[in-house]
Amino acid sequence: MEKQCFKKAAFVRMLINVLSVMCLQPADAQTGACYGTIGDNLPPATEVVSLCNQYNIQRIRLFNPNPSVLQALQGNTNISVIVGVANEDIIGIARDANLAKSWVQNNILKYGNVNFRYIAVGNEISPLDGGSAGAFIAEIQSSFINPIVQFLVNTKGPFLVNLYPYFAYASNMKDIRLDYALFTSPSTVVSDGPYQYQNLFNAMVDAAHAALQKVGGADVEVVVSETGWPTAGGTATTVDNARSYNSNLIKSVRNGTPRKPGKPIETYIFDLIDENQKSPEIEKHWGLFLPNKQPKYPISFTK
């Protein structure tokens, strides 16, 4: 997860999971969770899968093809999975078709009873510069972004982005209201032409929509592959704020954004369970659940 501080109040930098090379199912409004494994006190993968079933978490994102997790997911067809290709593997796979085939064979086809949704290539690569209209960084647009967006247009694949209103708020509390970050503002906070925003998350998603539109990707689906709010370790990191953000997020994404009203946003909350071996301290406290599988606060993934 990126700890970059955001500088803009309404439309800010976003982190891009470069593309989804395999789109196996269409996006929908189901909110899921990211399943990180950087901890020495985490429950076994089989118990985590049972936890997801218990709380109706039907989408999970894995940052890498963890064999024990994928094995635990075998036969759990009600849980669909985003699996990531590690950044360090991208260049080799891109250059060697046999290596790419081997990766798919060992990490996808080997687990024939796992309900794979997307394969995400790369994590926290940052080619986006924010502004009130949303735009990609000019230096890399033609060589990096344009081919990716064209690929997604041709394959009808989604564009995956990591969005963190928390970091925007924590780095600029003078200009960003807490209720705007937590989905609790009672009225419009930011106006951008015809678009009215009551929460920062929607403004961020629409910045991605605007940027995609400028490079020919107006119809490309935006999937929010990471978002969340920590419960400790930093500014405004309370259990109540995390509960408010994540609970309101689940409700909000069903309704779309001002630019895409009525179009639900497939979204993944970071993190499923606290990871105690991450650093700095704030990185350890994003989980919906404690390592003993107890929820930190009430939350419902049921539609």
C-alpha atoms as a PDB file:
ATOM      1  CA  MET A   1       0.000   0.000   0.000  1.00  0.00           C
ATOM      2  CA  GLU A   2       1.228   3.439  -0.895  1.00  0.00           C
ATOM      3  CA  LYS A   3       1.896   5.927   1.884  1.00  0.00           C
ATOM      4  CA  GLN A   4       2.275   8.883  -0.464  1.00  0.00           C
ATOM      5  CA  CYS A   5       0.673  12.075   0.895  1.00  0.00           C
ATOM      6  CA  PHE A   6      -1.964  13.546  -1.347  1.00  0.00           C
ATOM      7  CA  LYS A   7      -1.834  17.288  -1.979  1.00  0.00           C
ATOM      8  CA  LYS A   8      -5.113  18.234  -3.641  1.00  0.00           C
ATOM      9  CA  ALA A   9      -8.365  18.701  -1.784  1.00  0.00           C
ATOM     10  CA  ALA A  10     -10.867  17.269  -4.239  1.00  0.00           C
ATOM     11  CA  PHE A  11      -9.028  15.419  -6.989  1.00  0.00           C
ATOM     12  CA  VAL A  12      -5.714  13.887  -6.088  1.00  0.00           C
ATOM     13  CA  ARG A  13      -2.964  11.540  -7.133  1.00  0.00           C
ATOM     14  CA  MET A  14      -4.004   7.974  -7.626  1.00  0.00           C
ATOM     15  CA  LEU A  15      -1.991   4.793  -7.719  1.00  0.00           C
ATOM     16  CA  ILE A  16      -2.560   2.433 -10.562  1.00  0.00           C
ATOM     17  CA  ASN A  17      -2.459  -1.333 -10.692  1.00  0.00           C
ATOM     18  CA  VAL A  18      -1.282  -1.054 -14.246  1.00  0.00           C
ATOM     19  CA  LEU A  19      -3.880  -3.225 -15.927  1.00  0.00           C
ATOM     20  CA  SER A  20      -5.889  -6.347 -15.727  1.00  0.00           C
ATOM     21  CA  VAL A  21      -4.501  -8.693 -18.364  1.00  0.00           C
ATOM     22  CA  MET A  22      -7.286 -11.192 -17.974  1.00  0.00           C
ATOM     23  CA  CYS A  23     -10.859 -10.144 -17.307  1.00  0.00           C
ATOM     24  CA  LEU A  24     -12.846 -13.280 -16.584  1.00  0.00           C
ATOM     25  CA  GLN A  25     -16.035 -11.672 -15.288  1.00  0.00           C
ATOM     26  CA  PRO A  26     -17.727  -8.279 -15.689  1.00  0.00           C
ATOM     27  CA  ALA A  27     -17.365  -5.772 -12.869  1.00  0.00           C
ATOM     28  CA  ASP A  28     -20.253  -5.251 -10.479  1.00  0.00           C
ATOM     29  CA  ALA A  29     -21.066  -3.495  -7.219  1.00  0.00           C
ATOM     30  CA  GLN A  30     -19.939  -6.215  -4.858  1.00  0.00           C
ATOM     31  CA  THR A  31     -17.482  -4.839  -2.313  1.00  0.00           C
ATOM     32  CA  GLY A  32     -14.621  -7.141  -1.414  1.00  0.00           C
ATOM     33  CA  ALA A  33     -11.445  -7.037   0.650  1.00  0.00           C
ATOM     34  CA  CYS A  34      -7.699  -7.252   0.106  1.00  0.00           C
ATOM     35  CA  TYR A  35      -6.061 -10.268   1.727  1.00  0.00           C
ATOM     36  CA  GLY A  36      -2.504  -9.398   2.718  1.00  0.00           C
ATOM     37  CA  THR A  37      -0.227 -11.934   4.383  1.00  0.00           C
ATOM     38  CA  ILE A  38       2.650  -9.911   5.885  1.00  0.00           C
ATOM     39  CA  GLY A  39       2.256 -11.104   9.447  1.00  0.00           C
ATOM     40  CA  ASP A  40       3.439 -13.858  11.769  1.00  0.00           C
ATOM     41  CA  ASN A  41       0.205 -14.194  13.726  1.00  0.00           C
ATOM     42  CA  LEU A  42      -2.321 -14.582  10.930  1.00  0.00           C
ATOM     43  CA  PRO A  43      -4.849 -17.424  10.958  1.00  0.00           C
ATOM     44  CA  PRO A  44      -4.434 -20.276   8.447  1.00  0.00           C
ATOM     45  CA  ALA A  45      -5.730 -19.571   4.966  1.00  0.00           C
ATOM     46  CA  THR A  46      -8.525 -22.127   5.366  1.00  0.00           C
ATOM     47  CA  GLU A  47      -9.829 -20.217   8.381  1.00  0.00           C
ATOM     48  CA  VAL A  48      -9.623 -16.913   6.516  1.00  0.00           C
ATOM     49  CA  VAL A  49     -11.684 -18.356   3.668  1.00  0.00           C
ATOM     50  CA  SER A  50     -14.265 -19.534   6.213  1.00  0.00           C
ATOM     51  CA  LEU A  51     -14.241 -16.034   7.713  1.00  0.00           C
ATOM     52  CA  CYS A  52     -15.002 -14.548   4.297  1.00  0.00           C
ATOM     53  CA  ASN A  53     -17.899 -16.945   3.853  1.00  0.00           C
ATOM     54  CA  GLN A  54     -19.211 -16.148   7.332  1.00  0.00           C
ATOM     55  CA  TYR A  55     -19.279 -12.403   6.624  1.00  0.00           C
ATOM     56  CA  ASN A  56     -20.433 -12.695   3.007  1.00  0.00           C
ATOM     57  CA  ILE A  57     -17.185 -11.319   1.579  1.00  0.00           C
ATOM     58  CA  GLN A  58     -17.490 -12.624  -1.973  1.00  0.00           C
ATOM     59  CA  ARG A  59     -14.542 -10.807  -3.543  1.00  0.00           C
ATOM     60  CA  ILE A  60     -10.931 -10.911  -2.408  1.00  0.00           C
ATOM     61  CA  ARG A  61      -7.735  -9.508  -3.836  1.00  0.00           C
ATOM     62  CA  LEU A  62      -4.414 -11.307  -3.441  1.00  0.00           C
ATOM     63  CA  PHE A  63      -1.239  -9.314  -4.028  1.00  0.00           C
ATOM     64  CA  ASN A  64       0.582 -12.416  -5.241  1.00  0.00           C
ATOM     65  CA  PRO A  65      -0.330 -16.017  -6.091  1.00  0.00           C
ATOM     66  CA  ASN A  66       0.124 -17.410  -2.580  1.00  0.00           C
ATOM     67  CA  PRO A  67      -0.116 -21.222  -2.943  1.00  0.00           C
ATOM     68  CA  SER A  68      -1.610 -21.875   0.499  1.00  0.00           C
ATOM     69  CA  VAL A  69      -4.297 -19.261  -0.037  1.00  0.00           C
ATOM     70  CA  LEU A  70      -5.129 -20.477  -3.537  1.00  0.00           C
ATOM     71  CA  GLN A  71      -5.316 -24.043  -2.279  1.00  0.00           C
ATOM     72  CA  ALA A  72      -7.708 -22.950   0.476  1.00  0.00           C
ATOM     73  CA  LEU A  73      -9.887 -21.248  -2.140  1.00  0.00           C
ATOM     74  CA  GLN A  74     -10.244 -24.390  -4.249  1.00  0.00           C
ATOM     75  CA  GLY A  75     -13.926 -25.213  -4.537  1.00  0.00           C
ATOM     76  CA  ASN A  76     -15.110 -21.959  -2.933  1.00  0.00           C
ATOM     77  CA  THR A  77     -16.791 -20.757  -6.099  1.00  0.00           C
ATOM     78  CA  ASN A  78     -18.820 -18.130  -4.239  1.00  0.00           C
ATOM     79  CA  ILE A  79     -15.584 -16.183  -3.638  1.00  0.00           C
ATOM     80  CA  SER A  80     -14.048 -14.566  -6.714  1.00  0.00           C
ATOM     81  CA  VAL A  81     -10.391 -13.626  -6.727  1.00  0.00           C
ATOM     82  CA  ILE A  82      -8.105 -10.950  -8.119  1.00  0.00           C
ATOM     83  CA  VAL A  83      -4.580 -12.348  -8.154  1.00  0.00           C
ATOM     84  CA  GLY A  84      -1.571 -10.130  -8.717  1.00  0.00           C
ATOM     85  CA  VAL A  85       1.616 -10.541 -10.690  1.00  0.00           C
ATOM     86  CA  ALA A  86       4.445  -9.182  -8.537  1.00  0.00           C
ATOM     87  CA  ASN A  87       6.179  -6.062  -9.869  1.00  0.00           C
ATOM     88  CA  GLU A  88       9.525  -7.879 -10.001  1.00  0.00           C
ATOM     89  CA  ASP A  89       8.053 -10.519 -12.327  1.00  0.00           C
ATOM     90  CA  ILE A  90       6.517  -8.153 -14.866  1.00  0.00           C
ATOM     91  CA  ILE A  91       9.542  -7.501 -17.086  1.00  0.00           C
ATOM     92  CA  GLY A  92      10.433 -11.163 -17.415  1.00  0.00           C
ATOM     93  CA  ILE A  93       6.874 -12.156 -18.247  1.00  0.00           C
ATOM     94  CA  ALA A  94       6.558  -9.316 -20.752  1.00  0.00           C
ATOM     95  CA  ARG A  95       9.734 -10.356 -22.559  1.00  0.00           C
ATOM     96  CA  ASP A  96       9.317 -14.120 -22.548  1.00  0.00           C
ATOM     97  CA  ALA A  97       6.115 -15.749 -23.772  1.00  0.00           C
ATOM     98  CA  ASN A  98       7.165 -19.088 -22.332  1.00  0.00           C
ATOM     99  CA  LEU A  99       7.681 -17.521 -18.918  1.00  0.00           C
ATOM    100  CA  ALA A 100       4.245 -15.943 -19.158  1.00  0.00           C
ATOM    101  CA  LYS A 101       2.675 -19.282 -20.067  1.00  0.00           C
ATOM    102  CA  SER A 102       4.496 -20.931 -17.192  1.00  0.00           C
ATOM    103  CA  TRP A 103       3.207 -18.298 -14.759  1.00  0.00           C
ATOM    104  CA  VAL A 104      -0.362 -18.877 -15.889  1.00  0.00           C
ATOM    105  CA  GLN A 105       0.062 -22.645 -15.739  1.00  0.00           C
ATOM    106  CA  ASN A 106       1.549 -22.625 -12.229  1.00  0.00           C
ATOM    107  CA  ASN A 107      -0.609 -19.932 -10.679  1.00  0.00           C
ATOM    108  CA  ILE A 108      -3.946 -20.050 -12.511  1.00  0.00           C
ATOM    109  CA  LEU A 109      -4.570 -23.281 -14.387  1.00  0.00           C
ATOM    110  CA  LYS A 110      -3.140 -25.333 -11.528  1.00  0.00           C
ATOM    111  CA  TYR A 111      -6.031 -24.105  -9.383  1.00  0.00           C
ATOM    112  CA  GLY A 112      -8.882 -25.057 -11.663  1.00  0.00           C
ATOM    113  CA  ASN A 113     -11.535 -24.792  -8.957  1.00  0.00           C
ATOM    114  CA  VAL A 114     -10.658 -21.238  -7.919  1.00  0.00           C
ATOM    115  CA  ASN A 115     -13.035 -18.579  -9.196  1.00  0.00           C
ATOM    116  CA  PHE A 116     -10.507 -16.150 -10.700  1.00  0.00           C
ATOM    117  CA  ARG A 117     -11.917 -12.760 -11.610  1.00  0.00           C
ATOM    118  CA  TYR A 118      -8.919 -10.726 -12.822  1.00  0.00           C
ATOM    119  CA  ILE A 119      -5.176 -11.072 -13.087  1.00  0.00           C
ATOM    120  CA  ALA A 120      -3.674  -7.732 -12.070  1.00  0.00           C
ATOM    121  CA  VAL A 121      -0.244  -6.893 -13.452  1.00  0.00           C
ATOM    122  CA  GLY A 122       1.770  -4.640 -11.165  1.00  0.00           C
ATOM    123  CA  ASN A 123       0.921  -2.843  -7.950  1.00  0.00           C
ATOM    124  CA  GLU A 124       1.447   0.747  -6.826  1.00  0.00           C
ATOM    125  CA  ILE A 125       3.000   2.035 -10.015  1.00  0.00           C
ATOM    126  CA  SER A 126       2.243   5.750 -10.176  1.00  0.00           C
ATOM    127  CA  PRO A 127       1.605   7.261 -13.614  1.00  0.00           C
ATOM    128  CA  LEU A 128      -1.275   9.542 -12.610  1.00  0.00           C
ATOM    129  CA  ASP A 129      -1.161  13.192 -11.675  1.00  0.00           C
ATOM    130  CA  GLY A 130      -4.272  14.655 -10.136  1.00  0.00           C
ATOM    131  CA  GLY A 131      -6.029  17.922 -10.720  1.00  0.00           C
ATOM    132  CA  SER A 132      -9.640  19.008 -10.699  1.00  0.00           C
ATOM    133  CA  ALA A 133     -10.084  17.440 -14.116  1.00  0.00           C
ATOM    134  CA  GLY A 134      -7.860  14.400 -13.602  1.00  0.00           C
ATOM    135  CA  ALA A 135      -4.979  13.711 -15.997  1.00  0.00           C
ATOM    136  CA  PHE A 136      -2.103  11.321 -16.464  1.00  0.00           C
ATOM    137  CA  ILE A 137       1.474  12.525 -16.074  1.00  0.00           C
ATOM    138  CA  ALA A 138       2.451  13.857 -19.488  1.00  0.00           C
ATOM    139  CA  GLU A 139       5.940  12.315 -19.610  1.00  0.00           C
ATOM    140  CA  ILE A 140       4.621   8.761 -19.595  1.00  0.00           C
ATOM    141  CA  GLN A 141       1.240   9.113 -21.225  1.00  0.00           C
ATOM    142  CA  SER A 142       2.214   8.242 -24.790  1.00  0.00           C
ATOM    143  CA  SER A 143       4.720   5.498 -24.019  1.00  0.00           C
ATOM    144  CA  PHE A 144       3.043   3.885 -21.027  1.00  0.00           C
ATOM    145  CA  ILE A 145      -0.563   4.879 -20.484  1.00  0.00           C
ATOM    146  CA  ASN A 146      -1.958   5.097 -24.007  1.00  0.00           C
ATOM    147  CA  PRO A 147      -1.086   1.478 -24.946  1.00  0.00           C
ATOM    148  CA  ILE A 148      -2.544   0.205 -21.668  1.00  0.00           C
ATOM    149  CA  VAL A 149      -5.788   2.106 -22.109  1.00  0.00           C
ATOM    150  CA  GLN A 150      -6.095   0.944 -25.719  1.00  0.00           C
ATOM    151  CA  PHE A 151      -5.545  -2.631 -24.561  1.00  0.00           C
ATOM    152  CA  LEU A 152      -8.322  -2.239 -21.988  1.00  0.00           C
ATOM    153  CA  VAL A 153     -10.639  -0.712 -24.584  1.00  0.00           C
ATOM    154  CA  ASN A 154     -10.019  -3.622 -26.955  1.00  0.00           C
ATOM    155  CA  THR A 155     -10.417  -6.320 -24.311  1.00  0.00           C
ATOM    156  CA  LYS A 156     -13.129  -4.552 -22.288  1.00  0.00           C
ATOM    157  CA  GLY A 157     -10.916  -4.963 -19.245  1.00  0.00           C
ATOM    158  CA  PRO A 158     -11.151  -2.754 -16.146  1.00  0.00           C
ATOM    159  CA  PHE A 159      -8.711  -0.107 -14.977  1.00  0.00           C
ATOM    160  CA  LEU A 160      -7.631  -0.806 -11.391  1.00  0.00           C
ATOM    161  CA  VAL A 161      -6.835   2.100  -9.062  1.00  0.00           C
ATOM    162  CA  ASN A 162      -5.864   2.396  -5.406  1.00  0.00           C
ATOM    163  CA  LEU A 163      -7.651   5.327  -3.743  1.00  0.00           C
ATOM    164  CA  TYR A 164      -6.976   6.565  -0.223  1.00  0.00           C
ATOM    165  CA  PRO A 165      -9.025   9.523   1.032  1.00  0.00           C
ATOM    166  CA  TYR A 166      -7.370   8.864   4.399  1.00  0.00           C
ATOM    167  CA  PHE A 167      -3.953   9.992   3.155  1.00  0.00           C
ATOM    168  CA  ALA A 168      -5.492  13.015   1.452  1.00  0.00           C
ATOM    169  CA  TYR A 169      -7.116  14.079   4.699  1.00  0.00           C
ATOM    170  CA  ALA A 170      -4.126  13.296   6.941  1.00  0.00           C
ATOM    171  CA  SER A 171      -1.762  15.329   4.767  1.00  0.00           C
ATOM    172  CA  ASN A 172      -4.032  18.342   4.306  1.00  0.00           C
ATOM    173  CA  MET A 173      -6.455  18.711   7.202  1.00  0.00           C
ATOM    174  CA  LYS A 174      -6.492  22.468   6.670  1.00  0.00           C
ATOM    175  CA  ASP A 175      -8.325  22.117   3.362  1.00  0.00           C
ATOM    176  CA  ILE A 176     -10.015  18.716   3.589  1.00  0.00           C
ATOM    177  CA  ARG A 177     -12.847  18.220   6.023  1.00  0.00           C
ATOM    178  CA  LEU A 178     -13.085  14.964   7.935  1.00  0.00           C
ATOM    179  CA  ASP A 179     -16.758  14.521   7.062  1.00  0.00           C
ATOM    180  CA  TYR A 180     -15.861  14.897   3.368  1.00  0.00           C
ATOM    181  CA  ALA A 181     -13.337  12.062   3.721  1.00  0.00           C
ATOM    182  CA  LEU A 182     -15.688   9.845   5.765  1.00  0.00           C
ATOM    183  CA  PHE A 183     -18.793  10.106   3.523  1.00  0.00           C
ATOM    184  CA  THR A 184     -20.643  11.972   6.303  1.00  0.00           C
ATOM    185  CA  SER A 185     -20.966  15.467   4.858  1.00  0.00           C
ATOM    186  CA  PRO A 186     -24.660  16.466   4.789  1.00  0.00           C
ATOM    187  CA  SER A 187     -24.292  18.538   1.620  1.00  0.00           C
ATOM    188  CA  THR A 188     -22.040  19.323  -1.346  1.00  0.00           C
ATOM    189  CA  VAL A 189     -18.465  20.186  -0.408  1.00  0.00           C
ATOM    190  CA  VAL A 190     -16.812  20.514  -3.828  1.00  0.00           C
ATOM    191  CA  SER A 191     -18.312  21.606  -7.140  1.00  0.00           C
ATOM    192  CA  ASP A 192     -16.577  20.805 -10.410  1.00  0.00           C
ATOM    193  CA  GLY A 193     -18.701  22.286 -13.163  1.00  0.00           C
ATOM    194  CA  PRO A 194     -21.883  20.207 -13.315  1.00  0.00           C
ATOM    195  CA  TYR A 195     -20.540  17.644 -10.842  1.00  0.00           C
ATOM    196  CA  GLN A 196     -21.284  18.025  -7.143  1.00  0.00           C
ATOM    197  CA  TYR A 197     -19.318  16.057  -4.546  1.00  0.00           C
ATOM    198  CA  GLN A 198     -20.268  15.211  -0.974  1.00  0.00           C
ATOM    199  CA  ASN A 199     -17.351  12.816  -0.494  1.00  0.00           C
ATOM    200  CA  LEU A 200     -13.716  12.659  -1.514  1.00  0.00           C
ATOM    201  CA  PHE A 201     -13.849   9.047  -2.679  1.00  0.00           C
ATOM    202  CA  ASN A 202     -16.266   9.858  -5.510  1.00  0.00           C
ATOM    203  CA  ALA A 203     -14.124  12.822  -6.498  1.00  0.00           C
ATOM    204  CA  MET A 204     -11.101  10.548  -6.757  1.00  0.00           C
ATOM    205  CA  VAL A 205     -12.949   7.948  -8.815  1.00  0.00           C
ATOM    206  CA  ASP A 206     -14.179  10.641 -11.176  1.00  0.00           C
ATOM    207  CA  ALA A 207     -10.638  11.986 -11.549  1.00  0.00           C
ATOM    208  CA  ALA A 208      -9.762   8.544 -12.925  1.00  0.00           C
ATOM    209  CA  HIS A 209     -12.788   8.650 -15.234  1.00  0.00           C
ATOM    210  CA  ALA A 210     -11.750  12.092 -16.495  1.00  0.00           C
ATOM    211  CA  ALA A 211      -8.162  11.007 -17.090  1.00  0.00           C
ATOM    212  CA  LEU A 212      -9.262   7.891 -18.969  1.00  0.00           C
ATOM    213  CA  GLN A 213     -11.645   9.893 -21.124  1.00  0.00           C
ATOM    214  CA  LYS A 214      -8.801  12.168 -22.237  1.00  0.00           C
ATOM    215  CA  VAL A 215      -6.841   9.208 -23.621  1.00  0.00           C
ATOM    216  CA  GLY A 216      -9.713   7.416 -25.335  1.00  0.00           C
ATOM    217  CA  GLY A 217     -10.887   5.302 -22.408  1.00  0.00           C
ATOM    218  CA  ALA A 218     -14.240   6.892 -21.629  1.00  0.00           C
ATOM    219  CA  ASP A 219     -15.966   3.504 -21.513  1.00  0.00           C
ATOM    220  CA  VAL A 220     -13.265   1.681 -19.532  1.00  0.00           C
ATOM    221  CA  GLU A 221     -14.531   0.365 -16.203  1.00  0.00           C
ATOM    222  CA  VAL A 222     -12.829   1.737 -13.088  1.00  0.00           C
ATOM    223  CA  VAL A 223     -12.334  -0.820 -10.301  1.00  0.00           C
ATOM    224  CA  VAL A 224     -11.078   0.464  -6.947  1.00  0.00           C
ATOM    225  CA  SER A 225      -8.638  -2.261  -6.000  1.00  0.00           C
ATOM    226  CA  GLU A 226      -7.631  -0.724  -2.646  1.00  0.00           C
ATOM    227  CA  THR A 227      -9.173   1.741  -0.235  1.00  0.00           C
ATOM    228  CA  GLY A 228      -9.706   1.874   3.489  1.00  0.00           C
ATOM    229  CA  TRP A 229      -9.088   3.656   6.782  1.00  0.00           C
ATOM    230  CA  PRO A 230      -6.648   2.609   9.544  1.00  0.00           C
ATOM    231  CA  THR A 231      -7.670   2.155  13.167  1.00  0.00           C
ATOM    232  CA  ALA A 232      -4.367   3.155  14.812  1.00  0.00           C
ATOM    233  CA  GLY A 233      -0.882   4.486  14.149  1.00  0.00           C
ATOM    234  CA  GLY A 234      -1.566   7.931  12.733  1.00  0.00           C
ATOM    235  CA  THR A 235      -3.743  11.023  12.537  1.00  0.00           C
ATOM    236  CA  ALA A 236      -7.487  10.385  12.907  1.00  0.00           C
ATOM    237  CA  THR A 237      -6.870   6.640  12.990  1.00  0.00           C
ATOM    238  CA  THR A 238      -9.705   5.552  15.237  1.00  0.00           C
ATOM    239  CA  VAL A 239     -11.953   2.528  15.177  1.00  0.00           C
ATOM    240  CA  ASP A 240     -14.979   4.784  14.820  1.00  0.00           C
ATOM    241  CA  ASN A 241     -13.535   6.615  11.810  1.00  0.00           C
ATOM    242  CA  ALA A 242     -12.622   3.315  10.152  1.00  0.00           C
ATOM    243  CA  ARG A 243     -16.094   1.955  10.790  1.00  0.00           C
ATOM    244  CA  SER A 244     -17.679   5.104   9.394  1.00  0.00           C
ATOM    245  CA  TYR A 245     -15.499   5.138   6.278  1.00  0.00           C
ATOM    246  CA  ASN A 246     -15.790   1.477   5.366  1.00  0.00           C
ATOM    247  CA  SER A 247     -19.492   1.125   6.196  1.00  0.00           C
ATOM    248  CA  ASN A 248     -20.394   4.248   4.228  1.00  0.00           C
ATOM    249  CA  LEU A 249     -18.118   3.165   1.386  1.00  0.00           C
ATOM    250  CA  ILE A 250     -20.020  -0.101   0.946  1.00  0.00           C
ATOM    251  CA  LYS A 251     -23.289   1.816   0.670  1.00  0.00           C
ATOM    252  CA  SER A 252     -21.935   4.589  -1.546  1.00  0.00           C
ATOM    253  CA  VAL A 253     -20.320   2.483  -4.264  1.00  0.00           C
ATOM    254  CA  ARG A 254     -23.677   0.942  -5.153  1.00  0.00           C
ATOM    255  CA  ASN A 255     -24.839   4.303  -6.488  1.00  0.00           C
ATOM    256  CA  GLY A 256     -21.965   5.340  -8.745  1.00  0.00           C
ATOM    257  CA  THR A 257     -20.416   8.801  -8.948  1.00  0.00           C
ATOM    258  CA  PRO A 258     -21.536  12.194 -10.294  1.00  0.00           C
ATOM    259  CA  ARG A 259     -19.833  11.420 -13.615  1.00  0.00           C
ATOM    260  CA  LYS A 260     -21.233   7.885 -13.722  1.00  0.00           C
ATOM    261  CA  PRO A 261     -24.501   8.018 -11.764  1.00  0.00           C
ATOM    262  CA  GLY A 262     -26.227   4.703 -11.185  1.00  0.00           C
ATOM    263  CA  LYS A 263     -23.138   2.746 -12.261  1.00  0.00           C
ATOM    264  CA  PRO A 264     -21.899   0.728  -9.265  1.00  0.00           C
ATOM    265  CA  ILE A 265     -18.172   0.678  -8.482  1.00  0.00           C
ATOM    266  CA  GLU A 266     -16.483  -2.631  -7.776  1.00  0.00           C
ATOM    267  CA  THR A 267     -14.339  -1.903  -4.723  1.00  0.00           C
ATOM    268  CA  TYR A 268     -11.885  -3.725  -2.440  1.00  0.00           C
ATOM    269  CA  ILE A 269     -11.292  -2.664   1.161  1.00  0.00           C
ATOM    270  CA  PHE A 270      -7.749  -2.780   2.482  1.00  0.00           C
ATOM    271  CA  ASP A 271      -7.175  -4.799   4.623  1.00  0.00           C
ATOM    272  CA  LEU A 272      -8.957  -7.999   5.577  1.00  0.00           C
ATOM    273  CA  ILE A 273      -6.805  -8.710   8.677  1.00  0.00           C
ATOM    274  CA  ASP A 274      -4.162  -6.601  10.453  1.00  0.00           C
ATOM    275  CA  GLU A 275      -0.633  -7.426   9.259  1.00  0.00           C
ATOM    276  CA  ASN A 276       1.807  -7.034  12.150  1.00  0.00           C
ATOM    277  CA  GLN A 277       5.026  -7.259  10.136  1.00  0.00           C
ATOM    278  CA  LYS A 278       4.375  -4.249   7.950  1.00  0.00           C
ATOM    279  CA  SER A 279       5.962  -0.869   8.571  1.00  0.00           C
ATOM    280  CA  PRO A 280       5.679   1.956   9.502  1.00  0.00           C
ATOM    281  CA  GLU A 281       3.290   1.500  12.411  1.00  0.00           C
ATOM    282  CA  ILE A 282       0.216   2.782  10.579  1.00  0.00           C
ATOM    283  CA  GLU A 283       0.591   0.002   8.007  1.00  0.00           C
ATOM    284  CA  LYS A 284      -0.246  -2.601  10.642  1.00  0.00           C
ATOM    285  CA  HIS A 285      -3.740  -1.360  11.427  1.00  0.00           C
ATOM    286  CA  TRP A 286      -5.925  -1.404   8.313  1.00  0.00           C
ATOM    287  CA  GLY A 287      -7.668  -4.709   8.944  1.00  0.00           C
ATOM    288  CA  LEU A 288     -11.388  -5.220   9.249  1.00  0.00           C
ATOM    289  CA  PHE A 289     -10.510  -8.104  11.560  1.00  0.00           C
ATOM    290  CA  LEU A 290      -7.928  -8.796  14.224  1.00  0.00           C
ATOM    291  CA  PRO A 291      -5.651 -11.823  13.768  1.00  0.00           C
ATOM    292  CA  ASN A 292      -7.927 -13.748  16.160  1.00  0.00           C
ATOM    293  CA  LYS A 293     -10.660 -13.274  13.508  1.00  0.00           C
ATOM    294  CA  GLN A 294     -12.726 -10.943  15.681  1.00  0.00           C
ATOM    295  CA  PRO A 295     -14.168  -7.941  13.812  1.00  0.00           C
ATOM    296  CA  LYS A 296     -12.901  -4.572  15.012  1.00  0.00           C
ATOM    297  CA  TYR A 297     -16.367  -3.090  14.522  1.00  0.00           C
ATOM    298  CA  PRO A 298     -19.704  -4.151  13.035  1.00  0.00           C
ATOM    299  CA  ILE A 299     -19.735  -4.128   9.240  1.00  0.00           C
ATOM    300  CA  SER A 300     -21.988  -5.758   6.663  1.00  0.00           C
ATOM    301  CA  PHE A 301     -21.088  -6.825   3.132  1.00  0.00           C
ATOM    302  CA  THR A 302     -24.644  -7.957   2.417  1.00  0.00           C
ATOM    303  CA  LYS A 303     -26.369  -6.080  -0.368  1.00  0.00           C
END
